[in-house]
C-alpha atoms as a PDB file:
ATOM      1  CA  MET A   1       0.076   0.078  -0.027  1.00  0.00           C
ATOM      2  CA  THR A   2       1.437   3.333  -0.929  1.00  0.00           C
ATOM      3  CA  SER A   3       1.434   6.334   1.187  1.00  0.00           C
ATOM      4  CA  LYS A   4      -1.154   8.105  -1.078  1.00  0.00           C
ATOM      5  CA  GLN A   5      -3.386   5.200  -0.457  1.00  0.00           C
ATOM      6  CA  ARG A   6      -3.013   4.954   3.278  1.00  0.00           C
ATOM      7  CA  ALA A   7      -3.635   8.814   3.314  1.00  0.00           C
ATOM      8  CA  TYR A   8      -7.003   8.280   1.286  1.00  0.00           C
ATOM      9  CA  LEU A   9      -8.111   5.445   3.649  1.00  0.00           C
ATOM     10  CA  LYS A  10      -7.131   7.662   6.663  1.00  0.00           C
ATOM     11  CA  SER A  11      -9.544  10.380   5.167  1.00  0.00           C
ATOM     12  CA  LEU A  12     -12.160   7.959   4.696  1.00  0.00           C
ATOM     13  CA  ALA A  13     -11.863   6.251   8.403  1.00  0.00           C
ATOM     14  CA  SER A  14     -11.780   9.809   9.925  1.00  0.00           C
ATOM     15  CA  SER A  15     -15.665   9.885   9.774  1.00  0.00           C
ATOM     16  CA  LEU A  16     -15.971   6.220  11.079  1.00  0.00           C
ATOM     17  CA  ASP A  17     -17.217   5.255  14.369  1.00  0.00           C
ATOM     18  CA  PRO A  18     -15.377   2.216  16.106  1.00  0.00           C
ATOM     19  CA  VAL A  19     -17.316  -1.069  15.020  1.00  0.00           C
ATOM     20  CA  PHE A  20     -15.588  -3.068  17.714  1.00  0.00           C
ATOM     21  CA  GLN A  21     -13.823  -2.582  21.122  1.00  0.00           C
ATOM     22  CA  VAL A  22     -11.163  -4.688  22.661  1.00  0.00           C
ATOM     23  CA  GLY A  23     -11.419  -4.766  26.495  1.00  0.00           C
ATOM     24  CA  LYS A  24      -9.411  -6.321  29.410  1.00  0.00           C
ATOM     25  CA  SER A  25      -9.814  -9.819  28.127  1.00  0.00           C
ATOM     26  CA  SER A  26      -7.608  -8.595  24.916  1.00  0.00           C
ATOM     27  CA  LEU A  27      -7.743  -9.957  21.765  1.00  0.00           C
ATOM     28  CA  THR A  28     -10.098 -13.032  22.158  1.00  0.00           C
ATOM     29  CA  PRO A  29     -10.846 -15.349  19.184  1.00  0.00           C
ATOM     30  CA  GLN A  30     -14.304 -14.327  19.301  1.00  0.00           C
ATOM     31  CA  VAL A  31     -13.460 -10.536  18.674  1.00  0.00           C
ATOM     32  CA  THR A  32     -11.138 -11.819  15.813  1.00  0.00           C
ATOM     33  CA  GLU A  33     -13.701 -13.849  14.426  1.00  0.00           C
ATOM     34  CA  ALA A  34     -16.176 -11.045  14.625  1.00  0.00           C
ATOM     35  CA  ILE A  35     -13.818  -8.558  12.769  1.00  0.00           C
ATOM     36  CA  GLY A  36     -13.177 -11.147  10.223  1.00  0.00           C
ATOM     37  CA  GLU A  37     -16.907 -11.497   9.550  1.00  0.00           C
ATOM     38  CA  ALA A  38     -17.536  -7.811   9.357  1.00  0.00           C
ATOM     39  CA  PHE A  39     -15.118  -7.542   6.331  1.00  0.00           C
ATOM     40  CA  ASN A  40     -17.811  -9.598   4.478  1.00  0.00           C
ATOM     41  CA  THR A  41     -20.116  -6.247   4.519  1.00  0.00           C
ATOM     42  CA  ARG A  42     -17.573  -3.346   4.978  1.00  0.00           C
ATOM     43  CA  GLU A  43     -13.812  -2.608   3.799  1.00  0.00           C
ATOM     44  CA  LEU A  44     -12.779  -0.346   6.217  1.00  0.00           C
ATOM     45  CA  ILE A  45     -13.129  -1.044   9.960  1.00  0.00           C
ATOM     46  CA  LYS A  46     -12.246   1.031  12.927  1.00  0.00           C
ATOM     47  CA  VAL A  47     -11.408  -0.708  16.341  1.00  0.00           C
ATOM     48  CA  ALA A  48     -11.277   0.832  19.650  1.00  0.00           C
ATOM     49  CA  VAL A  49      -8.706  -0.299  22.158  1.00  0.00           C
ATOM     50  CA  LEU A  50     -10.277   0.388  25.955  1.00  0.00           C
ATOM     51  CA  LYS A  51      -8.350   1.818  28.694  1.00  0.00           C
ATOM     52  CA  ASN A  52      -8.545  -1.325  30.697  1.00  0.00           C
ATOM     53  CA  CYS A  53      -6.739  -3.295  28.084  1.00  0.00           C
ATOM     54  CA  MET A  54      -3.118  -3.665  29.017  1.00  0.00           C
ATOM     55  CA  ASP A  55      -1.871  -4.781  25.477  1.00  0.00           C
ATOM     56  CA  ASP A  56      -0.447  -2.364  22.979  1.00  0.00           C
ATOM     57  CA  PRO A  57      -2.501  -1.378  20.409  1.00  0.00           C
ATOM     58  CA  GLY A  58       0.069  -1.729  17.516  1.00  0.00           C
ATOM     59  CA  GLU A  59       0.588  -5.335  18.603  1.00  0.00           C
ATOM     60  CA  ILE A  60      -3.108  -5.772  18.705  1.00  0.00           C
ATOM     61  CA  ALA A  61      -3.589  -4.329  15.164  1.00  0.00           C
ATOM     62  CA  GLU A  62      -0.779  -6.451  13.765  1.00  0.00           C
ATOM     63  CA  MET A  63      -2.426  -9.619  14.939  1.00  0.00           C
ATOM     64  CA  VAL A  64      -5.799  -8.913  14.006  1.00  0.00           C
ATOM     65  CA  ALA A  65      -4.223  -7.681  10.464  1.00  0.00           C
ATOM     66  CA  GLN A  66      -2.603 -10.935  10.385  1.00  0.00           C
ATOM     67  CA  ARG A  67      -5.530 -13.262  11.298  1.00  0.00           C
ATOM     68  CA  THR A  68      -8.206 -11.431   9.248  1.00  0.00           C
ATOM     69  CA  HIS A  69      -5.702 -11.226   6.283  1.00  0.00           C
ATOM     70  CA  SER A  70      -6.341  -7.508   6.367  1.00  0.00           C
ATOM     71  CA  GLN A  71      -4.094  -4.486   6.161  1.00  0.00           C
ATOM     72  CA  VAL A  72      -3.475  -2.076   8.973  1.00  0.00           C
ATOM     73  CA  VAL A  73      -4.039   1.758   7.820  1.00  0.00           C
ATOM     74  CA  GLN A  74      -3.227   3.575  11.049  1.00  0.00           C
ATOM     75  CA  VAL A  75      -2.782   3.340  14.642  1.00  0.00           C
ATOM     76  CA  ILE A  76      -3.528   6.342  16.648  1.00  0.00           C
ATOM     77  CA  GLY A  77      -3.712   6.291  20.289  1.00  0.00           C
ATOM     78  CA  LYS A  78      -6.044   3.454  21.094  1.00  0.00           C
ATOM     79  CA  LYS A  79      -7.802   3.700  17.654  1.00  0.00           C
ATOM     80  CA  ILE A  80      -7.070   1.137  14.965  1.00  0.00           C
ATOM     81  CA  VAL A  81      -8.023   1.338  11.364  1.00  0.00           C
ATOM     82  CA  LEU A  82      -7.978  -1.967   9.127  1.00  0.00           C
ATOM     83  CA  TYR A  83      -8.629  -2.270   5.500  1.00  0.00           C
ATOM     84  CA  LYS A  84      -9.453  -5.276   3.519  1.00  0.00           C
ATOM     85  CA  PRO A  85     -10.715  -4.857  -0.147  1.00  0.00           C
ATOM     86  CA  ASP A  86     -13.672  -6.823  -1.191  1.00  0.00           C
ATOM     87  CA  LYS A  87     -12.569  -9.541  -3.748  1.00  0.00           C
ATOM     88  CA  ASP A  88     -15.663  -9.487  -5.832  1.00  0.00           C
ATOM     89  CA  ASN A  89     -17.129  -5.948  -5.558  1.00  0.00           C
ATOM     90  CA  PRO A  90     -14.702  -3.340  -4.284  1.00  0.00           C
ATOM     91  CA  LYS A  91     -16.355  -0.194  -2.902  1.00  0.00           C
ATOM     92  CA  ILE A  92     -13.356   1.736  -2.366  1.00  0.00           C
ATOM     93  CA  GLN A  93     -11.539   2.541  -5.167  1.00  0.00           C
ATOM     94  CA  LEU A  94      -7.842   3.231  -4.201  1.00  0.00           C
ATOM     95  CA  PRO A  95      -5.901   6.001  -6.114  1.00  0.00           C
END
């Protein structure tokens, strides 16, 4: 992913609300599975890491991206933005 594509996805993600929250039990298989299923209906997902989660948001982002075969767009504070293009009908056209 180029820096232009990443910047474009960041601009799209700025208006999104977090779809999932990672809490004190950290990244459970259920959370990972739910995020993977959410990529069936959307291509760009924002995840919030709650204050009671002691794990590093960057590490959580990398693990989720690896397990869901998506890409980390950005990690700012405790917010993670992930992108996975739809194979059949991509809605987001990257520059």
